[in-house]
Amino acid sequence: MLKKQKGKCNQCGHYFMPEDLIEVDHIIPRSQGGSDKYDNLQLLHRHCHDVKTAQDSNGINNNDRER
């Protein structure tokens, strides 16, 4: 995934640094019918993942930027 994303977080667009905490995220959350398939997964900074999870819970969708 890191190579596919060219070393960048799909949420904020910043490059991952060695000290960053990186998490795997479901682009379409499993709770909303998303799958565990590779094309539905992305890497995000931990804090970006927290923001996206909150947005997903509130029905805010940012899929255009993430793909």
Protein backbone atom coordinates (compact mmCIF):
# COMPACT_ATOMS: atom_id res chain seq x y z
CA MET A 1 0.00 0.00 0.00
CA LEU A 2 2.84 2.37 0.81
CA LYS A 3 4.19 2.01 -2.72
CA LYS A 4 0.71 2.40 -4.26
CA GLN A 5 0.23 5.63 -2.30
CA LYS A 6 3.72 6.87 -3.22
CA GLY A 7 4.65 7.26 0.43
CA LYS A 8 1.80 9.69 1.18
CA CYS A 9 -1.19 9.68 3.49
CA ASN A 10 -4.41 9.68 1.46
CA GLN A 11 -6.15 11.90 4.00
CA CYS A 12 -3.71 14.81 4.41
CA GLY A 13 -1.37 14.25 1.46
CA HIS A 14 1.82 14.51 3.56
CA TYR A 15 4.62 12.00 3.23
CA PHE A 16 4.96 9.34 5.89
CA MET A 17 8.06 9.80 8.05
CA PRO A 18 9.87 7.00 9.90
CA GLU A 19 8.57 8.22 13.26
CA ASP A 20 4.91 8.44 12.12
CA LEU A 21 2.29 6.03 13.40
CA ILE A 22 0.59 4.53 10.36
CA GLU A 23 -2.75 2.70 10.37
CA VAL A 24 -4.64 0.69 7.77
CA ASP A 25 -8.05 2.20 7.01
CA HIS A 26 -11.07 0.92 5.12
CA ILE A 27 -11.93 3.53 2.48
CA ILE A 28 -15.56 2.47 2.70
CA PRO A 29 -15.97 1.39 6.33
CA ARG A 30 -16.99 -2.20 6.96
CA SER A 31 -19.92 -0.85 8.97
CA GLN A 32 -21.15 0.76 5.74
CA GLY A 33 -20.70 -2.35 3.59
CA GLY A 34 -17.01 -1.97 2.74
CA SER A 35 -14.86 -5.03 2.21
CA ASP A 36 -11.43 -6.15 3.39
CA LYS A 37 -10.19 -6.29 -0.21
CA TYR A 38 -6.95 -4.51 -1.08
CA ASP A 39 -8.68 -1.87 -3.21
CA ASN A 40 -10.73 -0.78 -0.18
CA LEU A 41 -7.71 -0.34 2.10
CA GLN A 42 -5.38 2.61 2.52
CA LEU A 43 -2.67 3.81 4.87
CA LEU A 44 -3.29 6.90 6.98
CA HIS A 45 -1.42 8.73 9.71
CA ARG A 46 -2.89 7.72 13.06
CA HIS A 47 -4.33 11.20 13.68
CA CYS A 48 -5.75 11.32 10.12
CA HIS A 49 -7.38 7.94 10.71
CA ASP A 50 -8.99 9.31 13.89
CA VAL A 51 -10.41 12.27 11.93
CA LYS A 52 -11.69 10.05 9.10
CA THR A 53 -13.28 7.62 11.57
CA ALA A 54 -15.14 10.52 13.22
CA GLN A 55 -16.27 11.78 9.81
CA ASP A 56 -17.42 8.29 8.79
CA SER A 57 -19.41 8.01 12.02
CA ASN A 58 -21.10 11.33 11.28
CA GLY A 59 -21.89 10.43 7.68
CA ILE A 60 -19.31 12.81 6.20
CA ASN A 61 -17.66 11.19 3.20
CA ASN A 62 -14.29 12.11 1.66
CA ASN A 63 -13.94 9.18 -0.79
CA ASP A 64 -13.07 11.39 -3.78
CA ARG A 65 -9.79 12.44 -2.19
CA GLU A 66 -8.97 8.98 -0.87
CA ARG A 67 -9.09 7.10 -4.14
